[in-house]
Amino acid sequence: MSTRRTFLKYALFGGAAAATEGLPAAIRRAYAIAPEPGTTYLNAEHVVILMQENRSFDHMFGTLAGVRGFNDRRAIRQKNGSSVFVQSGKSGETYAPWRLNIHDTKVTWMGSIPHSRDSQVDAWNGGHHDRWIDVKRPHKKEYRQYPLTMGYYTREDLPFYYALADAFTVCDQNYCGVMSSTTPNRLVFWTGTVRDQQNTASNVYMRNPEILEGGMTWTTFPERLEKVGVSWKFYQNELSQTGGMSPAERSWLSNFGCNVLECFDSFNVSSNPGFGEWIEERIRECSE
């Protein structure tokens, strides 16, 4: 990483404009901010945390120079001797990783593959990791024959992300906190656990619906920050449990329940003025 940063420092501040003209302006501006000598992350005024979901590290950065990626010689071997990066289905077809070409195909619009708790466990298959083709087939019937689970993007597809990784530090081999879907991983993100108590007899929240029902009571990270005098903000367009949005607005602006702080009693989401309207909308949906 230091070699890459040295090159960029030369290119950005040494006049080699041609070498960096492809970098997005936002990244050039961020990289140009020089820290004061002797400072550390403890001097930061703000820390911004953004969680994106349903993308594995290799799905985005499997071809990034300097990471283990698809050429990882230490990747586990399956029972048939093949690398975990070579997956076979029940019907005998075998696939290696292949590029999801954003520019010349309609792959972006072919829909997602399952990312539920059940499909995660089935693909893992007791640690053998050999059922990805069969259990991660696309949701849309017209594309079920395509092994989208083996697809990945390259620098050509995600130029901003690759430029960001080039300019700063990328952490190789990152995985989700729990082998499950969106909301349990958001629990880990904002509370560090999926248990209401830290003992083996406690409830374990591993599926979206049981979390979105609300009523959780353990201490979240924002509450811990407040306790030590650190302020915080969570940015979203609107509370998930707020009515008044049209279907189109909800598709583009909704938080899709991804702020799990709304599910904790201590944040009193039900006192929001729009909560009653949201309840009425759900009742109408059930009667239609």
Protein backbone atom coordinates (compact mmCIF):
# COMPACT_ATOMS: atom_id res chain seq x y z
CA MET A 1 0.00 0.00 0.00
CA SER A 2 2.85 2.41 0.77
CA THR A 3 4.22 2.07 -2.77
CA ARG A 4 0.85 2.96 -4.25
CA ARG A 5 0.47 5.95 -1.94
CA THR A 6 3.98 7.13 -2.79
CA PHE A 7 3.14 7.03 -6.48
CA LEU A 8 -0.09 8.95 -5.97
CA LYS A 9 1.68 11.54 -3.82
CA TYR A 10 4.17 12.10 -6.61
CA ALA A 11 1.44 12.22 -9.21
CA LEU A 12 -0.83 14.57 -7.27
CA PHE A 13 1.77 16.99 -5.95
CA GLY A 14 4.58 16.55 -8.48
CA GLY A 15 2.70 17.77 -11.53
CA ALA A 16 2.12 14.41 -13.23
CA ALA A 17 -1.45 15.33 -14.12
CA ALA A 18 -1.75 12.78 -16.87
CA ALA A 19 -1.21 9.95 -14.41
CA THR A 20 -4.12 11.03 -12.24
CA GLU A 21 -6.58 12.57 -14.64
CA GLY A 22 -8.70 9.42 -14.36
CA LEU A 23 -9.10 9.78 -10.58
CA PRO A 24 -12.50 11.13 -9.48
CA ALA A 25 -12.31 14.68 -8.18
CA ALA A 26 -13.68 13.69 -4.77
CA ILE A 27 -10.81 11.24 -4.25
CA ARG A 28 -8.21 13.77 -5.38
CA ARG A 29 -9.59 16.31 -2.89
CA ALA A 30 -9.61 13.76 -0.06
CA TYR A 31 -6.08 12.61 -0.77
CA ALA A 32 -4.83 16.19 -0.90
CA ILE A 33 -5.79 16.76 2.75
CA ALA A 34 -2.47 16.49 4.54
CA PRO A 35 -2.63 15.59 8.25
CA GLU A 36 -0.74 17.72 10.71
CA PRO A 37 2.62 16.18 11.67
CA GLY A 38 2.38 14.08 14.80
CA THR A 39 -1.39 13.64 14.68
CA THR A 40 -3.23 10.30 14.74
CA TYR A 41 -6.81 9.13 14.22
CA LEU A 42 -7.48 10.31 17.78
CA ASN A 43 -7.32 13.88 16.45
CA ALA A 44 -10.17 13.28 14.02
CA GLU A 45 -13.19 15.54 14.51
CA HIS A 46 -15.60 13.15 12.81
CA VAL A 47 -15.66 9.46 11.95
CA VAL A 48 -18.02 8.46 9.13
CA ILE A 49 -19.07 4.83 8.97
CA LEU A 50 -20.85 3.56 5.85
CA MET A 51 -22.05 -0.03 5.66
CA GLN A 52 -22.84 -1.50 2.26
CA GLU A 53 -24.40 -4.91 2.00
CA ASN A 54 -24.78 -8.05 -0.08
CA ARG A 55 -21.35 -7.75 -1.66
CA SER A 56 -18.41 -9.97 -0.79
CA PHE A 57 -14.88 -8.62 -0.82
CA ASP A 58 -13.92 -10.67 -3.87
CA HIS A 59 -17.14 -9.70 -5.65
CA MET A 60 -15.83 -6.13 -5.71
CA PHE A 61 -12.05 -6.40 -5.26
CA GLY A 62 -11.13 -9.95 -6.26
CA THR A 63 -9.03 -8.55 -9.13
CA LEU A 64 -7.45 -5.62 -7.24
CA ALA A 65 -3.66 -5.69 -7.37
CA GLY A 66 -2.10 -6.58 -4.04
CA VAL A 67 -4.98 -8.56 -2.52
CA ARG A 68 -5.30 -12.32 -2.26
CA GLY A 69 -8.36 -12.39 -4.52
CA PHE A 70 -9.02 -15.19 -6.96
CA ASN A 71 -5.34 -16.14 -7.16
CA ASP A 72 -5.24 -17.02 -3.47
CA ARG A 73 -3.06 -20.12 -3.24
CA ARG A 74 -4.32 -20.73 0.30
CA ALA A 75 -7.99 -20.89 -0.66
CA ILE A 76 -9.68 -23.96 0.79
CA ARG A 77 -10.16 -27.10 -1.29
CA GLN A 78 -13.49 -28.82 -1.64
CA LYS A 79 -14.08 -32.54 -1.22
CA ASN A 80 -13.57 -33.04 -4.97
CA GLY A 81 -10.17 -31.34 -4.82
CA SER A 82 -11.25 -28.18 -6.63
CA SER A 83 -10.58 -24.72 -5.29
CA VAL A 84 -13.50 -23.08 -3.52
CA PHE A 85 -13.50 -20.63 -6.42
CA VAL A 86 -14.62 -23.42 -8.77
CA GLN A 87 -18.20 -24.39 -8.00
CA SER A 88 -20.32 -27.22 -9.42
CA GLY A 89 -24.09 -27.68 -9.40
CA LYS A 90 -26.14 -30.84 -8.95
CA SER A 91 -26.58 -31.21 -12.70
CA GLY A 92 -22.81 -31.34 -13.18
CA GLU A 93 -22.14 -27.89 -14.60
CA THR A 94 -19.00 -26.23 -13.22
CA TYR A 95 -18.19 -22.52 -13.13
CA ALA A 96 -15.18 -20.40 -12.26
CA PRO A 97 -15.48 -16.69 -11.36
CA TRP A 98 -16.58 -14.55 -14.31
CA ARG A 99 -16.89 -10.84 -14.89
CA LEU A 100 -20.23 -9.06 -14.52
CA ASN A 101 -19.73 -6.55 -17.33
CA ILE A 102 -21.72 -3.46 -16.34
CA HIS A 103 -21.12 -1.61 -19.59
CA ASP A 104 -21.92 -4.15 -22.30
CA THR A 105 -24.55 -6.35 -20.66
CA LYS A 106 -27.78 -5.94 -18.68
CA VAL A 107 -26.41 -7.89 -15.72
CA THR A 108 -27.06 -4.96 -13.35
CA TRP A 109 -30.79 -5.34 -14.02
CA MET A 110 -30.99 -9.12 -13.74
CA GLY A 111 -31.89 -9.01 -10.06
CA SER A 112 -30.20 -10.34 -6.97
CA ILE A 113 -29.41 -13.79 -5.69
CA PRO A 114 -30.64 -15.04 -2.28
CA HIS A 115 -28.82 -13.59 0.72
CA SER A 116 -30.98 -15.04 3.46
CA ARG A 117 -29.80 -16.91 6.54
CA ASP A 118 -31.06 -20.20 5.05
CA SER A 119 -29.23 -19.81 1.74
CA GLN A 120 -26.02 -18.80 3.53
CA VAL A 121 -26.07 -21.93 5.68
CA ASP A 122 -26.95 -24.16 2.72
CA ALA A 123 -24.12 -22.75 0.59
CA TRP A 124 -21.68 -23.14 3.49
CA ASN A 125 -22.79 -26.80 3.79
CA GLY A 126 -21.07 -27.66 7.03
CA GLY A 127 -17.84 -25.92 6.03
CA HIS A 128 -17.49 -27.56 2.60
CA HIS A 129 -18.58 -24.41 0.73
CA ASP A 130 -19.73 -26.42 -2.27
CA ARG A 131 -23.40 -25.59 -2.84
CA TRP A 132 -23.27 -22.01 -4.07
CA ILE A 133 -24.52 -22.77 -7.58
CA ASP A 134 -27.69 -24.56 -6.48
CA VAL A 135 -28.78 -22.46 -3.50
CA LYS A 136 -27.77 -19.02 -4.78
CA ARG A 137 -29.69 -19.01 -8.05
CA PRO A 138 -31.17 -15.65 -9.13
CA HIS A 139 -34.61 -14.75 -7.82
CA LYS A 140 -35.94 -13.91 -11.29
CA LYS A 141 -37.06 -17.09 -13.04
CA GLU A 142 -35.89 -15.97 -16.47
CA TYR A 143 -32.30 -15.78 -15.19
CA ARG A 144 -32.16 -18.80 -12.90
CA GLN A 145 -29.90 -20.67 -15.30
CA TYR A 146 -27.17 -18.05 -14.91
CA PRO A 147 -24.59 -18.57 -12.12
CA LEU A 148 -24.66 -14.95 -10.97
CA THR A 149 -23.26 -16.01 -7.61
CA MET A 150 -19.91 -16.54 -9.36
CA GLY A 151 -19.88 -13.05 -10.85
CA TYR A 152 -17.49 -10.24 -9.95
CA TYR A 153 -16.71 -6.68 -11.00
CA THR A 154 -13.45 -5.19 -12.21
CA ARG A 155 -11.86 -1.76 -12.31
CA GLU A 156 -13.70 -1.08 -15.58
CA ASP A 157 -17.02 -1.69 -13.85
CA LEU A 158 -16.33 0.11 -10.55
CA PRO A 159 -13.77 2.83 -11.31
CA PHE A 160 -14.63 4.96 -8.26
CA TYR A 161 -14.21 2.07 -5.80
CA TYR A 162 -10.92 0.98 -7.35
CA ALA A 163 -9.62 4.55 -7.33
CA LEU A 164 -10.59 4.80 -3.66
CA ALA A 165 -8.77 1.54 -2.90
CA ASP A 166 -5.70 2.75 -4.82
CA ALA A 167 -5.52 6.05 -2.97
CA PHE A 168 -6.11 4.78 0.54
CA THR A 169 -5.97 1.52 2.50
CA VAL A 170 -8.08 -1.50 1.63
CA CYS A 171 -8.48 -4.32 4.16
CA ASP A 172 -8.20 -7.68 2.44
CA GLN A 173 -10.33 -10.71 3.33
CA ASN A 174 -13.27 -8.92 4.93
CA TYR A 175 -16.38 -10.95 5.72
CA CYS A 176 -19.80 -10.30 7.18
CA GLY A 177 -20.12 -10.39 10.96
CA VAL A 178 -22.60 -13.26 11.02
CA MET A 179 -23.55 -15.87 8.44
CA SER A 180 -26.95 -14.40 7.75
CA SER A 181 -28.84 -11.63 5.99
CA THR A 182 -28.94 -7.85 6.21
CA THR A 183 -30.46 -7.06 9.59
CA PRO A 184 -28.45 -9.44 11.81
CA ASN A 185 -25.28 -7.98 10.32
CA ARG A 186 -26.59 -4.49 11.06
CA LEU A 187 -27.05 -5.62 14.66
CA VAL A 188 -23.37 -6.56 14.83
CA PHE A 189 -22.50 -3.26 13.17
CA TRP A 190 -24.38 -1.12 15.70
CA THR A 191 -24.28 -3.26 18.84
CA GLY A 192 -21.51 -5.84 18.42
CA THR A 193 -23.80 -8.83 18.98
CA VAL A 194 -26.95 -10.66 17.89
CA ARG A 195 -27.80 -11.79 21.44
CA ASP A 196 -29.97 -10.01 23.97
CA GLN A 197 -27.68 -11.33 26.73
CA GLN A 198 -24.15 -12.66 26.60
CA ASN A 199 -24.88 -16.26 27.56
CA THR A 200 -25.81 -19.42 25.68
CA ALA A 201 -29.39 -19.37 26.95
CA SER A 202 -30.15 -15.94 25.46
CA ASN A 203 -32.19 -15.17 22.37
CA VAL A 204 -30.19 -15.10 19.13
CA TYR A 205 -31.52 -12.80 16.39
CA MET A 206 -30.39 -14.32 13.09
CA ARG A 207 -33.20 -13.43 10.66
CA ASN A 208 -34.56 -10.11 9.45
CA PRO A 209 -38.25 -10.43 10.49
CA GLU A 210 -37.58 -11.27 14.13
CA ILE A 211 -35.40 -8.17 14.45
CA LEU A 212 -37.71 -5.82 12.57
CA GLU A 213 -40.51 -6.68 14.99
CA GLY A 214 -38.63 -4.49 17.47
CA GLY A 215 -38.64 -4.68 21.25
CA MET A 216 -34.90 -5.17 21.70
CA THR A 217 -33.35 -3.76 24.82
CA TRP A 218 -29.59 -4.31 25.03
CA THR A 219 -27.12 -1.42 24.85
CA THR A 220 -26.16 -0.08 21.41
CA PHE A 221 -22.89 1.59 20.39
CA PRO A 222 -24.51 5.06 20.07
CA GLU A 223 -25.66 4.78 23.68
CA ARG A 224 -22.14 3.85 24.73
CA LEU A 225 -20.81 6.87 22.85
CA GLU A 226 -23.25 9.15 24.63
CA LYS A 227 -22.19 7.71 27.97
CA VAL A 228 -18.61 8.87 27.39
CA GLY A 229 -19.61 12.23 25.93
CA VAL A 230 -19.20 11.52 22.22
CA SER A 231 -21.97 12.86 20.00
CA TRP A 232 -23.32 10.90 17.03
CA LYS A 233 -25.78 11.14 14.14
CA PHE A 234 -27.45 8.55 11.92
CA TYR A 235 -28.26 9.85 8.44
CA GLN A 236 -31.28 8.58 6.53
CA ASN A 237 -34.12 10.09 4.52
CA GLU A 238 -36.83 9.07 6.94
CA LEU A 239 -37.58 6.58 9.67
CA SER A 240 -38.57 3.23 8.21
CA GLN A 241 -41.69 3.17 10.35
CA THR A 242 -43.08 6.43 8.99
CA GLY A 243 -46.00 6.64 6.59
CA GLY A 244 -46.77 9.01 3.76
CA MET A 245 -44.37 7.83 1.05
CA SER A 246 -45.69 6.73 -2.33
CA PRO A 247 -44.49 3.35 -3.67
CA ALA A 248 -42.07 5.13 -6.02
CA GLU A 249 -40.71 7.33 -3.23
CA ARG A 250 -40.29 4.32 -0.97
CA SER A 251 -38.33 2.49 -3.70
CA TRP A 252 -35.81 5.33 -4.01
CA LEU A 253 -35.78 7.00 -0.60
CA SER A 254 -36.65 4.35 1.95
CA ASN A 255 -34.10 3.10 4.43
CA PHE A 256 -35.51 -0.43 3.96
CA GLY A 257 -35.32 -1.10 7.69
CA CYS A 258 -31.52 -0.95 7.65
CA ASN A 259 -31.31 1.32 10.70
CA VAL A 260 -31.67 -1.31 13.41
CA LEU A 261 -31.57 1.39 16.08
CA GLU A 262 -35.25 1.83 15.25
CA CYS A 263 -35.84 -1.68 16.60
CA PHE A 264 -34.56 -0.82 20.10
CA ASP A 265 -37.01 0.38 22.73
CA SER A 266 -34.66 3.05 24.00
CA PHE A 267 -35.02 5.08 20.79
CA ASN A 268 -38.83 5.30 21.03
CA VAL A 269 -39.60 5.17 17.31
CA SER A 270 -43.30 4.75 18.06
CA SER A 271 -43.42 8.33 19.36
CA ASN A 272 -42.61 9.68 15.88
CA PRO A 273 -45.60 11.60 14.44
CA GLY A 274 -45.64 9.42 11.32
CA PHE A 275 -45.71 6.11 13.18
CA GLY A 276 -49.52 6.02 13.38
CA GLU A 277 -49.82 6.60 9.65
CA TRP A 278 -47.31 3.82 9.01
CA ILE A 279 -49.37 1.42 11.14
CA GLU A 280 -52.54 2.34 9.20
CA GLU A 281 -50.75 1.69 5.89
CA ARG A 282 -49.68 -1.76 7.06
CA ILE A 283 -53.24 -2.56 8.17
CA ARG A 284 -54.60 -1.53 4.76
CA GLU A 285 -52.00 -3.73 3.03
CA CYS A 286 -53.14 -6.73 5.09
CA SER A 287 -56.79 -6.19 4.12
CA GLU A 288 -56.17 -5.81 0.38
